[in-house]
Structure formats: structure tokens, C-alpha cells
């Protein structure tokens, strides 16, 4: 399994991370949302936790 970003998305994420001046990349996840099922969650990744899957693409770290 792999996660890839477009060139434009990678550039934008790197710019946001530089402007924030902290964080290591993006964190992607799925959370239960009651009776409607699940939803995707995208946040800044502050650290890598045990059990995380880590991908790197175009200079951006993506943590799942």
C-alpha cells in the first residue's frame, strides 16, 4: 500500500507546514461518525505514534 500526492498538493502541504513552523507532515485517518458510518480525518501530524504507517512522497511525510 502507498499514498501519493500530486506535485501541487505536495507543494501546498510543505508551504503550510513551513508557515506553521511545527509538525512533521499530514495525518490521515478514519473515525466513526455515529449511525452514518465513517468519515475521513486530515490533520497535521505532530509526531509518529506506535502502530502508525508512515509514507513519504515528494518531500511530504504522510502518517496513517
PDB file of N, CA and C in Angstrom:
ATOM      1  N   UNK A   1       0.851  -1.170   0.000  1.00  0.00           N
ATOM      2  CA  UNK A   1       0.000   0.000   0.000  1.00  0.00           C
ATOM      3  C   UNK A   1       0.898   1.235   0.000  1.00  0.00           C
ATOM      4  N   UNK A   2       0.475   2.262  -0.685  1.00  0.00           N
ATOM      5  CA  UNK A   2       1.225   3.516  -0.723  1.00  0.00           C
ATOM      6  C   UNK A   2       0.258   4.684  -0.843  1.00  0.00           C
ATOM      7  N   UNK A   3       0.735   5.826  -0.460  1.00  0.00           N
ATOM      8  CA  UNK A   3      -0.028   7.057  -0.608  1.00  0.00           C
ATOM      9  C   UNK A   3       0.829   8.001  -1.433  1.00  0.00           C
ATOM     10  N   UNK A   4       0.223   8.609  -2.428  1.00  0.00           N
ATOM     11  CA  UNK A   4       0.977   9.554  -3.251  1.00  0.00           C
ATOM     12  C   UNK A   4       0.234  10.884  -3.327  1.00  0.00           C
ATOM     13  N   UNK A   5       0.991  11.939  -3.542  1.00  0.00           N
ATOM     14  CA  UNK A   5       0.448  13.288  -3.648  1.00  0.00           C
ATOM     15  C   UNK A   5       0.763  13.848  -5.025  1.00  0.00           C
ATOM     16  N   UNK A   6      -0.098  14.706  -5.519  1.00  0.00           N
ATOM     17  CA  UNK A   6       0.237  15.421  -6.748  1.00  0.00           C
ATOM     18  C   UNK A   6       1.335  16.433  -6.417  1.00  0.00           C
ATOM     19  N   UNK A   7       2.020  16.915  -7.431  1.00  0.00           N
ATOM     20  CA  UNK A   7       3.055  17.927  -7.210  1.00  0.00           C
ATOM     21  C   UNK A   7       2.468  19.162  -6.533  1.00  0.00           C
ATOM     22  N   UNK A   8       1.298  19.578  -6.983  1.00  0.00           N
ATOM     23  CA  UNK A   8       0.643  20.759  -6.430  1.00  0.00           C
ATOM     24  C   UNK A   8       0.278  20.559  -4.958  1.00  0.00           C
ATOM     25  N   UNK A   9      -0.266  19.392  -4.622  1.00  0.00           N
ATOM     26  CA  UNK A   9      -0.645  19.109  -3.233  1.00  0.00           C
ATOM     27  C   UNK A   9       0.587  19.073  -2.335  1.00  0.00           C
ATOM     28  N   UNK A  10       1.660  18.449  -2.794  1.00  0.00           N
ATOM     29  CA  UNK A  10       2.885  18.364  -2.002  1.00  0.00           C
ATOM     30  C   UNK A  10       3.451  19.759  -1.740  1.00  0.00           C
ATOM     31  N   UNK A  11       3.454  20.603  -2.751  1.00  0.00           N
ATOM     32  CA  UNK A  11       3.949  21.973  -2.585  1.00  0.00           C
ATOM     33  C   UNK A  11       3.107  22.730  -1.575  1.00  0.00           C
ATOM     34  N   UNK A  12       1.808  22.594  -1.663  1.00  0.00           N
ATOM     35  CA  UNK A  12       0.910  23.301  -0.746  1.00  0.00           C
ATOM     36  C   UNK A  12       1.097  22.807   0.692  1.00  0.00           C
ATOM     37  N   UNK A  13       1.211  21.496   0.886  1.00  0.00           N
ATOM     38  CA  UNK A  13       1.405  20.955   2.237  1.00  0.00           C
ATOM     39  C   UNK A  13       2.727  21.454   2.808  1.00  0.00           C
ATOM     40  N   UNK A  14       3.805  21.409   2.022  1.00  0.00           N
ATOM     41  CA  UNK A  14       5.104  21.898   2.504  1.00  0.00           C
ATOM     42  C   UNK A  14       5.016  23.376   2.889  1.00  0.00           C
ATOM     43  N   UNK A  15       4.323  24.177   2.086  1.00  0.00           N
ATOM     44  CA  UNK A  15       4.168  25.601   2.408  1.00  0.00           C
ATOM     45  C   UNK A  15       3.398  25.805   3.710  1.00  0.00           C
ATOM     46  N   UNK A  16       2.324  25.059   3.916  1.00  0.00           N
ATOM     47  CA  UNK A  16       1.558  25.164   5.161  1.00  0.00           C
ATOM     48  C   UNK A  16       2.396  24.744   6.364  1.00  0.00           C
ATOM     49  N   UNK A  17       3.160  23.661   6.214  1.00  0.00           N
ATOM     50  CA  UNK A  17       3.996  23.203   7.327  1.00  0.00           C
ATOM     51  C   UNK A  17       5.080  24.226   7.648  1.00  0.00           C
ATOM     52  N   UNK A  18       5.678  24.823   6.627  1.00  0.00           N
ATOM     53  CA  UNK A  18       6.687  25.863   6.856  1.00  0.00           C
ATOM     54  C   UNK A  18       6.076  27.072   7.558  1.00  0.00           C
ATOM     55  N   UNK A  19       4.879  27.463   7.159  1.00  0.00           N
ATOM     56  CA  UNK A  19       4.205  28.611   7.770  1.00  0.00           C
ATOM     57  C   UNK A  19       3.817  28.325   9.218  1.00  0.00           C
ATOM     58  N   UNK A  20       3.458  27.078   9.502  1.00  0.00           N
ATOM     59  CA  UNK A  20       3.080  26.680  10.859  1.00  0.00           C
ATOM     60  C   UNK A  20       4.284  26.614  11.774  1.00  0.00           C
ATOM     61  N   UNK A  21       5.438  26.312  11.202  1.00  0.00           N
ATOM     62  CA  UNK A  21       6.702  26.208  11.930  1.00  0.00           C
ATOM     63  C   UNK A  21       6.720  25.068  12.946  1.00  0.00           C
ATOM     64  N   UNK A  22       5.825  24.098  12.792  1.00  0.00           N
ATOM     65  CA  UNK A  22       5.901  22.866  13.575  1.00  0.00           C
ATOM     66  C   UNK A  22       5.080  21.795  12.879  1.00  0.00           C
ATOM     67  N   UNK A  23       5.217  20.581  13.322  1.00  0.00           N
ATOM     68  CA  UNK A  23       4.550  19.455  12.675  1.00  0.00           C
ATOM     69  C   UNK A  23       5.497  18.760  11.724  1.00  0.00           C
ATOM     70  N   UNK A  24       5.247  17.476  11.524  1.00  0.00           N
ATOM     71  CA  UNK A  24       6.146  16.688  10.679  1.00  0.00           C
ATOM     72  C   UNK A  24       5.517  16.320   9.344  1.00  0.00           C
ATOM     73  N   UNK A  25       4.219  16.538   9.202  1.00  0.00           N
ATOM     74  CA  UNK A  25       3.554  16.173   7.954  1.00  0.00           C
ATOM     75  C   UNK A  25       2.051  16.161   8.133  1.00  0.00           C
ATOM     76  N   UNK A  26       1.401  15.315   7.361  1.00  0.00           N
ATOM     77  CA  UNK A  26      -0.053  15.160   7.428  1.00  0.00           C
ATOM     78  C   UNK A  26      -0.412  13.862   8.135  1.00  0.00           C
ATOM     79  N   UNK A  27      -1.515  13.888   8.877  1.00  0.00           N
ATOM     80  CA  UNK A  27      -2.052  12.670   9.482  1.00  0.00           C
ATOM     81  C   UNK A  27      -3.408  12.402   8.846  1.00  0.00           C
ATOM     82  N   UNK A  28      -3.554  11.215   8.272  1.00  0.00           N
ATOM     83  CA  UNK A  28      -4.815  10.790   7.672  1.00  0.00           C
ATOM     84  C   UNK A  28      -5.425   9.710   8.540  1.00  0.00           C
ATOM     85  N   UNK A  29      -6.738   9.721   8.673  1.00  0.00           N
ATOM     86  CA  UNK A  29      -7.403   8.704   9.462  1.00  0.00           C
ATOM     87  C   UNK A  29      -8.867   8.581   9.092  1.00  0.00           C
ATOM     88  N   UNK A  30      -9.523   7.664   9.762  1.00  0.00           N
ATOM     89  CA  UNK A  30     -10.955   7.433   9.599  1.00  0.00           C
ATOM     90  C   UNK A  30     -11.545   7.369  10.998  1.00  0.00           C
ATOM     91  N   UNK A  31     -12.686   8.040  11.194  1.00  0.00           N
ATOM     92  CA  UNK A  31     -13.338   7.958  12.507  1.00  0.00           C
ATOM     93  C   UNK A  31     -14.807   7.631  12.330  1.00  0.00           C
ATOM     94  N   UNK A  32     -15.348   6.957  13.333  1.00  0.00           N
ATOM     95  CA  UNK A  32     -16.762   6.587  13.327  1.00  0.00           C
ATOM     96  C   UNK A  32     -17.591   7.836  13.589  1.00  0.00           C
ATOM     97  N   UNK A  33     -18.650   7.999  12.803  1.00  0.00           N
ATOM     98  CA  UNK A  33     -19.480   9.204  12.927  1.00  0.00           C
ATOM     99  C   UNK A  33     -20.932   8.842  13.216  1.00  0.00           C
ATOM    100  N   UNK A  34     -21.129   8.024  14.218  1.00  0.00           N
ATOM    101  CA  UNK A  34     -22.488   7.666  14.604  1.00  0.00           C
ATOM    102  C   UNK A  34     -23.130   6.720  13.611  1.00  0.00           C
ATOM    103  N   UNK A  35     -24.424   6.905  13.383  1.00  0.00           N
ATOM    104  CA  UNK A  35     -25.168   5.974  12.537  1.00  0.00           C
ATOM    105  C   UNK A  35     -24.880   6.160  11.051  1.00  0.00           C
ATOM    106  N   UNK A  36     -24.209   7.241  10.680  1.00  0.00           N
ATOM    107  CA  UNK A  36     -23.945   7.477   9.257  1.00  0.00           C
ATOM    108  C   UNK A  36     -22.690   6.775   8.758  1.00  0.00           C
ATOM    109  N   UNK A  37     -21.961   6.112   9.637  1.00  0.00           N
ATOM    110  CA  UNK A  37     -20.792   5.351   9.207  1.00  0.00           C
ATOM    111  C   UNK A  37     -19.491   5.986   9.636  1.00  0.00           C
ATOM    112  N   UNK A  38     -18.616   6.230   8.677  1.00  0.00           N
ATOM    113  CA  UNK A  38     -17.276   6.725   8.949  1.00  0.00           C
ATOM    114  C   UNK A  38     -16.985   7.968   8.112  1.00  0.00           C
ATOM    115  N   UNK A  39     -16.017   8.752   8.569  1.00  0.00           N
ATOM    116  CA  UNK A  39     -15.574   9.903   7.783  1.00  0.00           C
ATOM    117  C   UNK A  39     -14.055   9.976   7.825  1.00  0.00           C
ATOM    118  N   UNK A  40     -13.498  10.572   6.799  1.00  0.00           N
ATOM    119  CA  UNK A  40     -12.054  10.768   6.740  1.00  0.00           C
ATOM    120  C   UNK A  40     -11.664  11.960   7.596  1.00  0.00           C
ATOM    121  N   UNK A  41     -10.473  11.879   8.189  1.00  0.00           N
ATOM    122  CA  UNK A  41      -9.940  12.954   9.015  1.00  0.00           C
ATOM    123  C   UNK A  41      -8.546  13.292   8.490  1.00  0.00           C
ATOM    124  N   UNK A  42      -8.292  14.580   8.263  1.00  0.00           N
ATOM    125  CA  UNK A  42      -6.970  15.041   7.839  1.00  0.00           C
ATOM    126  C   UNK A  42      -6.533  16.142   8.793  1.00  0.00           C
ATOM    127  N   UNK A  43      -5.389  15.937   9.443  1.00  0.00           N
ATOM    128  CA  UNK A  43      -4.831  16.911  10.376  1.00  0.00           C
ATOM    129  C   UNK A  43      -3.331  17.009  10.151  1.00  0.00           C
ATOM    130  N   UNK A  44      -2.699  17.945  10.847  1.00  0.00           N
ATOM    131  CA  UNK A  44      -1.246  17.987  10.864  1.00  0.00           C
ATOM    132  C   UNK A  44      -0.747  16.887  11.784  1.00  0.00           C
ATOM    133  N   UNK A  45       0.334  16.247  11.415  1.00  0.00           N
ATOM    134  CA  UNK A  45       0.958  15.232  12.267  1.00  0.00           C
ATOM    135  C   UNK A  45       2.023  15.920  13.108  1.00  0.00           C
ATOM    136  N   UNK A  46       1.901  15.804  14.407  1.00  0.00           N
ATOM    137  CA  UNK A  46       2.887  16.387  15.318  1.00  0.00           C
ATOM    138  C   UNK A  46       4.000  15.398  15.635  1.00  0.00           C
ATOM    139  N   UNK A  47       3.656  14.102  15.654  1.00  0.00           N
ATOM    140  CA  UNK A  47       4.647  13.063  15.937  1.00  0.00           C
ATOM    141  C   UNK A  47       4.152  11.746  15.367  1.00  0.00           C
ATOM    142  N   UNK A  48       5.055  10.793  15.294  1.00  0.00           N
ATOM    143  CA  UNK A  48       4.721   9.451  14.824  1.00  0.00           C
ATOM    144  C   UNK A  48       4.493   8.580  16.048  1.00  0.00           C
ATOM    145  N   UNK A  49       3.351   7.914  16.088  1.00  0.00           N
ATOM    146  CA  UNK A  49       2.971   7.074  17.226  1.00  0.00           C
ATOM    147  C   UNK A  49       3.205   5.606  16.884  1.00  0.00           C
ATOM    148  N   UNK A  50       3.288   4.772  17.915  1.00  0.00           N
ATOM    149  CA  UNK A  50       3.410   3.328  17.701  1.00  0.00           C
ATOM    150  C   UNK A  50       2.199   2.850  16.912  1.00  0.00           C
ATOM    151  N   UNK A  51       2.419   2.020  15.926  1.00  0.00           N
ATOM    152  CA  UNK A  51       1.334   1.490  15.117  1.00  0.00           C
ATOM    153  C   UNK A  51       0.987   2.333  13.901  1.00  0.00           C
ATOM    154  N   UNK A  52       1.577   3.517  13.778  1.00  0.00           N
ATOM    155  CA  UNK A  52       1.327   4.362  12.609  1.00  0.00           C
ATOM    156  C   UNK A  52       2.025   3.787  11.382  1.00  0.00           C
ATOM    157  N   UNK A  53       1.395   3.937  10.240  1.00  0.00           N
ATOM    158  CA  UNK A  53       2.048   3.654   8.960  1.00  0.00           C
ATOM    159  C   UNK A  53       2.536   4.999   8.437  1.00  0.00           C
ATOM    160  N   UNK A  54       3.785   5.046   7.987  1.00  0.00           N
ATOM    161  CA  UNK A  54       4.383   6.302   7.549  1.00  0.00           C
ATOM    162  C   UNK A  54       4.799   6.183   6.093  1.00  0.00           C
ATOM    163  N   UNK A  55       4.398   7.167   5.298  1.00  0.00           N
ATOM    164  CA  UNK A  55       4.731   7.221   3.877  1.00  0.00           C
ATOM    165  C   UNK A  55       5.405   8.559   3.604  1.00  0.00           C
ATOM    166  N   UNK A  56       6.260   8.581   2.613  1.00  0.00           N
ATOM    167  CA  UNK A  56       6.906   9.829   2.195  1.00  0.00           C
ATOM    168  C   UNK A  56       6.720   9.962   0.700  1.00  0.00           C
ATOM    169  N   UNK A  57       6.271  11.130   0.259  1.00  0.00           N
ATOM    170  CA  UNK A  57       6.120  11.375  -1.173  1.00  0.00           C
ATOM    171  C   UNK A  57       6.409  12.839  -1.461  1.00  0.00           C
ATOM    172  N   UNK A  58       7.305  13.079  -2.378  1.00  0.00           N
ATOM    173  CA  UNK A  58       7.646  14.440  -2.824  1.00  0.00           C
ATOM    174  C   UNK A  58       8.022  15.345  -1.658  1.00  0.00           C
ATOM    175  N   UNK A  59       8.723  14.782  -0.668  1.00  0.00           N
ATOM    176  CA  UNK A  59       9.183  15.568   0.469  1.00  0.00           C
ATOM    177  C   UNK A  59       8.163  15.788   1.561  1.00  0.00           C
ATOM    178  N   UNK A  60       7.018  15.126   1.484  1.00  0.00           N
ATOM    179  CA  UNK A  60       5.969  15.268   2.499  1.00  0.00           C
ATOM    180  C   UNK A  60       5.791  13.933   3.214  1.00  0.00           C
ATOM    181  N   UNK A  61       5.786  13.978   4.544  1.00  0.00           N
ATOM    182  CA  UNK A  61       5.520  12.793   5.350  1.00  0.00           C
ATOM    183  C   UNK A  61       4.017  12.682   5.562  1.00  0.00           C
ATOM    184  N   UNK A  62       3.474  11.495   5.296  1.00  0.00           N
ATOM    185  CA  UNK A  62       2.051  11.226   5.499  1.00  0.00           C
ATOM    186  C   UNK A  62       1.943  10.092   6.510  1.00  0.00           C
ATOM    187  N   UNK A  63       1.250  10.348   7.615  1.00  0.00           N
ATOM    188  CA  UNK A  63       1.097   9.383   8.701  1.00  0.00           C
ATOM    189  C   UNK A  63      -0.347   8.897   8.706  1.00  0.00           C
ATOM    190  N   UNK A  64      -0.519   7.579   8.756  1.00  0.00           N
ATOM    191  CA  UNK A  64      -1.864   6.993   8.762  1.00  0.00           C
ATOM    192  C   UNK A  64      -2.044   6.213  10.050  1.00  0.00           C
TER     193      UNK A  64
END
